Amino acid sequence: VHVDEAHNISTAGLSHHRKQAFQPAYSKLGEPHVLLCKGTSFQALPATFPSHILSTVQHELMMSWDHISLALSINHANIMYATTLLVNFVTFAILTV
């Protein structure tokens, strides 16, 4: 079972600071785990996994604590961060009342 954008289980699927969950169904993604065969693998694919979100996702997906974790960098030789000055660039906003 592959869960893409798995950080949403914590950020959108659970209540935070007395506010209801934005997408409570995300927190239920682990429920099929009890219906599947014992050896079924779960893979959580996040954008980022700070430790508090990682532990929440592991709990909600009912993942075993002896999992394998791969953390890969997005820094590559062919990627460069840059800032470009835009000349004669005008911004405006349309406001509706």
Protein backbone atom coordinates (compact mmCIF):
# COMPACT_ATOMS: atom_id res chain seq x y z
CA VAL A 1 0.00 0.00 0.00
CA HIS A 2 1.51 3.32 -1.08
CA VAL A 3 0.39 6.58 0.53
CA ASP A 4 1.62 9.61 -1.41
CA GLU A 5 1.78 13.00 0.32
CA ALA A 6 1.63 11.08 3.59
CA HIS A 7 2.37 14.17 5.68
CA ASN A 8 -1.28 15.13 5.06
CA ILE A 9 -2.32 12.36 7.45
CA SER A 10 -1.02 14.56 10.24
CA THR A 11 -1.42 18.07 8.83
CA ALA A 12 -4.93 17.75 7.33
CA GLY A 13 -6.31 14.52 8.77
CA LEU A 14 -6.09 15.29 12.48
CA SER A 15 -7.39 18.07 14.69
CA HIS A 16 -4.85 20.68 15.75
CA HIS A 17 -5.10 23.52 18.26
CA ARG A 18 -8.83 22.97 18.87
CA LYS A 19 -9.59 23.18 15.13
CA GLN A 20 -11.28 20.29 13.38
CA ALA A 21 -9.38 18.30 10.80
CA PHE A 22 -9.55 19.71 7.27
CA GLN A 23 -9.74 16.22 5.68
CA PRO A 24 -10.51 13.74 8.49
CA ALA A 25 -10.56 10.83 6.02
CA TYR A 26 -6.76 11.12 5.73
CA SER A 27 -6.42 9.93 9.32
CA LYS A 28 -8.31 6.75 8.43
CA LEU A 29 -5.84 5.55 5.79
CA GLY A 30 -4.41 3.00 8.20
CA GLU A 31 -7.73 1.22 8.80
CA PRO A 32 -7.35 -1.18 5.84
CA HIS A 33 -4.17 -2.45 7.52
CA VAL A 34 -6.24 -4.71 9.80
CA LEU A 35 -8.09 -6.18 6.79
CA LEU A 36 -4.99 -7.02 4.75
CA CYS A 37 -2.60 -9.95 5.10
CA LYS A 38 -0.11 -9.70 7.94
CA GLY A 39 2.90 -9.21 5.64
CA THR A 40 1.36 -6.37 3.61
CA SER A 41 3.83 -3.51 3.26
CA PHE A 42 2.89 0.12 3.75
CA GLN A 43 4.91 2.89 2.13
CA ALA A 44 4.50 6.50 3.23
CA LEU A 45 5.77 9.05 0.72
CA PRO A 46 5.93 12.59 2.14
CA ALA A 47 7.11 15.97 0.96
CA THR A 48 8.83 16.36 4.33
CA PHE A 49 8.79 14.30 7.50
CA PRO A 50 9.74 16.20 10.64
CA SER A 51 10.01 13.77 13.55
CA HIS A 52 6.63 14.66 15.09
CA ILE A 53 4.83 14.12 11.78
CA LEU A 54 6.76 10.89 11.11
CA SER A 55 5.69 9.42 14.45
CA THR A 56 2.06 10.46 13.87
CA VAL A 57 2.01 8.89 10.38
CA GLN A 58 3.59 5.68 11.70
CA HIS A 59 0.91 5.49 14.38
CA GLU A 60 -2.02 6.29 12.07
CA LEU A 61 -0.87 3.82 9.37
CA MET A 62 -0.18 1.17 12.05
CA MET A 63 3.35 0.76 10.71
CA SER A 64 5.79 -1.36 12.65
CA TRP A 65 8.60 0.49 14.39
CA ASP A 66 11.26 -1.68 12.71
CA HIS A 67 10.64 -0.03 9.34
CA ILE A 68 13.23 1.07 6.81
CA SER A 69 13.51 4.80 6.30
CA LEU A 70 15.13 6.41 3.26
CA ALA A 71 15.80 10.14 3.28
CA LEU A 72 17.09 11.48 0.00
CA SER A 73 18.17 15.02 -0.78
CA ILE A 74 16.66 17.01 -3.64
CA ASN A 75 20.01 18.75 -4.15
CA HIS A 76 21.49 17.66 -7.45
CA ALA A 77 24.30 19.00 -9.62
CA ASN A 78 21.84 20.14 -12.30
CA ILE A 79 19.59 22.13 -9.90
CA MET A 80 20.45 25.68 -8.86
CA TYR A 81 18.63 28.16 -6.65
CA ALA A 82 18.60 31.67 -8.10
CA THR A 83 16.92 35.04 -7.65
CA THR A 84 16.18 37.14 -10.71
CA LEU A 85 15.34 40.84 -10.70
CA LEU A 86 12.31 41.55 -12.86
CA VAL A 87 12.58 44.92 -14.64
CA ASN A 88 9.40 46.91 -15.36
CA PHE A 89 7.30 44.33 -13.59
CA VAL A 90 3.96 45.67 -12.36
CA THR A 91 1.73 43.82 -9.93
CA PHE A 92 -1.85 44.61 -9.12
CA ALA A 93 -4.69 43.02 -7.26
CA ILE A 94 -8.33 42.91 -8.14
CA LEU A 95 -10.44 43.36 -5.05
CA THR A 96 -14.11 42.52 -4.95
CA VAL A 97 -16.44 43.89 -2.34
